[in-house]
Amino acid sequence: MLPLTRMQSLLRDAQGASAIEYGLIMGLITLVIVVAMQSVADETIGMWGNVNDKTSEAISSSG
């Protein structure tokens, strides 16, 4: 079957439409997870930066 004919049959098929919808939903969920993880990463980096600063201060003032 030619690629164009195959594509047209997939577009007419209800199962193909459902698969595309599920793919779009999964893509959206993945995007939300990536954005959330980026936010958590920023918070964590800031927290460990603060720990590093406090530790450095404690070491320099004790020595």
N, C-alpha and C. Protein backbone atom coordinates (compact mmCIF):
# COMPACT_ATOMS: atom_id res chain seq x y z
N MET A 1 0.84 -1.17 0.00
CA MET A 1 0.00 0.00 0.00
C MET A 1 0.89 1.24 0.00
N LEU A 2 0.54 2.20 -0.77
CA LEU A 2 1.30 3.44 -0.82
C LEU A 2 1.19 4.18 0.51
N PRO A 3 2.23 4.91 0.89
CA PRO A 3 2.19 5.63 2.16
C PRO A 3 1.00 6.59 2.28
N LEU A 4 0.65 7.27 1.20
CA LEU A 4 -0.47 8.20 1.25
C LEU A 4 -1.78 7.45 1.47
N THR A 5 -1.95 6.33 0.78
CA THR A 5 -3.15 5.52 0.95
C THR A 5 -3.23 4.97 2.37
N ARG A 6 -2.11 4.55 2.90
CA ARG A 6 -2.05 4.03 4.27
C ARG A 6 -2.42 5.13 5.26
N MET A 7 -1.93 6.33 5.05
CA MET A 7 -2.24 7.45 5.93
C MET A 7 -3.73 7.78 5.88
N GLN A 8 -4.31 7.76 4.69
CA GLN A 8 -5.73 8.05 4.55
C GLN A 8 -6.58 7.00 5.26
N SER A 9 -6.18 5.74 5.18
CA SER A 9 -6.94 4.70 5.86
C SER A 9 -6.82 4.82 7.37
N LEU A 10 -5.66 5.25 7.85
CA LEU A 10 -5.51 5.46 9.30
C LEU A 10 -6.36 6.63 9.79
N LEU A 11 -6.45 7.68 8.97
CA LEU A 11 -7.24 8.84 9.37
C LEU A 11 -8.73 8.51 9.40
N ARG A 12 -9.18 7.60 8.56
CA ARG A 12 -10.60 7.20 8.55
C ARG A 12 -10.92 6.20 9.65
N ASP A 13 -9.92 5.50 10.14
CA ASP A 13 -10.12 4.46 11.14
C ASP A 13 -10.32 5.08 12.52
N ALA A 14 -11.36 4.66 13.23
CA ALA A 14 -11.63 5.20 14.57
C ALA A 14 -10.54 4.79 15.55
N GLN A 15 -9.97 3.61 15.40
CA GLN A 15 -8.91 3.18 16.30
C GLN A 15 -7.66 4.04 16.11
N GLY A 16 -7.40 4.44 14.89
CA GLY A 16 -6.27 5.33 14.63
C GLY A 16 -6.46 6.68 15.29
N ALA A 17 -7.70 7.17 15.27
CA ALA A 17 -7.99 8.45 15.93
C ALA A 17 -7.81 8.33 17.43
N SER A 18 -8.25 7.21 18.00
CA SER A 18 -8.08 7.01 19.44
C SER A 18 -6.61 6.94 19.80
N ALA A 19 -5.82 6.28 18.97
CA ALA A 19 -4.39 6.18 19.24
C ALA A 19 -3.73 7.55 19.20
N ILE A 20 -4.15 8.38 18.26
CA ILE A 20 -3.61 9.74 18.16
C ILE A 20 -4.00 10.55 19.39
N GLU A 21 -5.25 10.41 19.82
CA GLU A 21 -5.70 11.14 21.02
C GLU A 21 -4.90 10.70 22.24
N TYR A 22 -4.71 9.41 22.39
CA TYR A 22 -3.92 8.91 23.53
C TYR A 22 -2.48 9.42 23.44
N GLY A 23 -1.94 9.48 22.26
CA GLY A 23 -0.59 10.00 22.07
C GLY A 23 -0.50 11.47 22.47
N LEU A 24 -1.51 12.26 22.10
CA LEU A 24 -1.53 13.67 22.49
C LEU A 24 -1.67 13.84 24.00
N ILE A 25 -2.50 13.00 24.62
CA ILE A 25 -2.66 13.06 26.07
C ILE A 25 -1.35 12.71 26.76
N MET A 26 -0.68 11.67 26.28
CA MET A 26 0.60 11.27 26.88
C MET A 26 1.65 12.36 26.69
N GLY A 27 1.64 13.02 25.55
CA GLY A 27 2.57 14.12 25.31
C GLY A 27 2.32 15.27 26.28
N LEU A 28 1.06 15.58 26.52
CA LEU A 28 0.71 16.65 27.45
C LEU A 28 1.12 16.29 28.88
N ILE A 29 0.86 15.04 29.28
CA ILE A 29 1.26 14.59 30.62
C ILE A 29 2.77 14.65 30.77
N THR A 30 3.50 14.25 29.74
CA THR A 30 4.96 14.30 29.78
C THR A 30 5.45 15.73 29.92
N LEU A 31 4.83 16.65 29.20
CA LEU A 31 5.20 18.05 29.29
C LEU A 31 4.98 18.60 30.70
N VAL A 32 3.85 18.26 31.30
CA VAL A 32 3.55 18.70 32.67
C VAL A 32 4.57 18.15 33.65
N ILE A 33 4.95 16.88 33.48
CA ILE A 33 5.94 16.26 34.38
C ILE A 33 7.29 16.97 34.24
N VAL A 34 7.70 17.26 33.02
CA VAL A 34 8.99 17.92 32.80
C VAL A 34 8.99 19.31 33.44
N VAL A 35 7.92 20.06 33.27
CA VAL A 35 7.84 21.40 33.86
C VAL A 35 7.85 21.31 35.38
N ALA A 36 7.12 20.36 35.95
CA ALA A 36 7.11 20.20 37.40
C ALA A 36 8.48 19.80 37.92
N MET A 37 9.15 18.90 37.22
CA MET A 37 10.48 18.48 37.66
C MET A 37 11.47 19.64 37.58
N GLN A 38 11.34 20.50 36.60
CA GLN A 38 12.22 21.66 36.49
C GLN A 38 12.02 22.58 37.68
N SER A 39 10.79 22.78 38.09
CA SER A 39 10.50 23.62 39.24
C SER A 39 11.08 23.01 40.52
N VAL A 40 10.92 21.72 40.67
CA VAL A 40 11.49 21.03 41.84
C VAL A 40 13.01 21.11 41.82
N ALA A 41 13.59 20.97 40.65
CA ALA A 41 15.05 21.04 40.53
C ALA A 41 15.56 22.42 40.93
N ASP A 42 14.88 23.47 40.51
CA ASP A 42 15.28 24.83 40.88
C ASP A 42 15.24 25.02 42.39
N GLU A 43 14.18 24.53 43.02
CA GLU A 43 14.05 24.64 44.48
C GLU A 43 15.17 23.86 45.17
N THR A 44 15.46 22.67 44.68
CA THR A 44 16.47 21.82 45.31
C THR A 44 17.86 22.42 45.15
N ILE A 45 18.15 22.95 43.98
CA ILE A 45 19.45 23.59 43.75
C ILE A 45 19.63 24.77 44.70
N GLY A 46 18.57 25.56 44.86
CA GLY A 46 18.63 26.69 45.79
C GLY A 46 18.85 26.23 47.22
N MET A 47 18.18 25.16 47.61
CA MET A 47 18.32 24.64 48.97
C MET A 47 19.75 24.18 49.22
N TRP A 48 20.31 23.41 48.29
CA TRP A 48 21.68 22.91 48.49
C TRP A 48 22.70 24.02 48.40
N GLY A 49 22.41 25.07 47.62
CA GLY A 49 23.29 26.23 47.59
C GLY A 49 23.32 26.91 48.96
N ASN A 50 22.16 27.00 49.60
CA ASN A 50 22.07 27.58 50.94
C ASN A 50 22.83 26.72 51.95
N VAL A 51 22.69 25.41 51.85
CA VAL A 51 23.43 24.50 52.74
C VAL A 51 24.93 24.68 52.55
N ASN A 52 25.36 24.80 51.30
CA ASN A 52 26.78 24.99 51.01
C ASN A 52 27.29 26.29 51.62
N ASP A 53 26.53 27.36 51.47
CA ASP A 53 26.94 28.66 52.02
C ASP A 53 27.04 28.59 53.54
N LYS A 54 26.06 28.02 54.20
CA LYS A 54 26.07 27.93 55.67
C LYS A 54 27.22 27.05 56.16
N THR A 55 27.48 25.96 55.44
CA THR A 55 28.58 25.07 55.82
C THR A 55 29.92 25.77 55.66
N SER A 56 30.09 26.49 54.57
CA SER A 56 31.33 27.24 54.34
C SER A 56 31.53 28.31 55.42
N GLU A 57 30.45 28.99 55.79
CA GLU A 57 30.53 30.00 56.86
C GLU A 57 30.93 29.35 58.18
N ALA A 58 30.36 28.20 58.51
CA ALA A 58 30.65 27.54 59.77
C ALA A 58 32.10 27.06 59.81
N ILE A 59 32.59 26.56 58.68
CA ILE A 59 33.97 26.07 58.64
C ILE A 59 34.95 27.24 58.75
N SER A 60 34.67 28.34 58.04
CA SER A 60 35.60 29.47 58.07
C SER A 60 35.61 30.18 59.42
N SER A 61 34.50 30.18 60.12
CA SER A 61 34.47 30.88 61.42
C SER A 61 35.00 30.00 62.56
N SER A 62 35.06 28.67 62.34
CA SER A 62 35.59 27.80 63.40
C SER A 62 37.11 27.64 63.29
N GLY A 63 37.68 27.94 62.16
CA GLY A 63 39.09 27.71 61.94
C GLY A 63 39.89 28.92 62.07
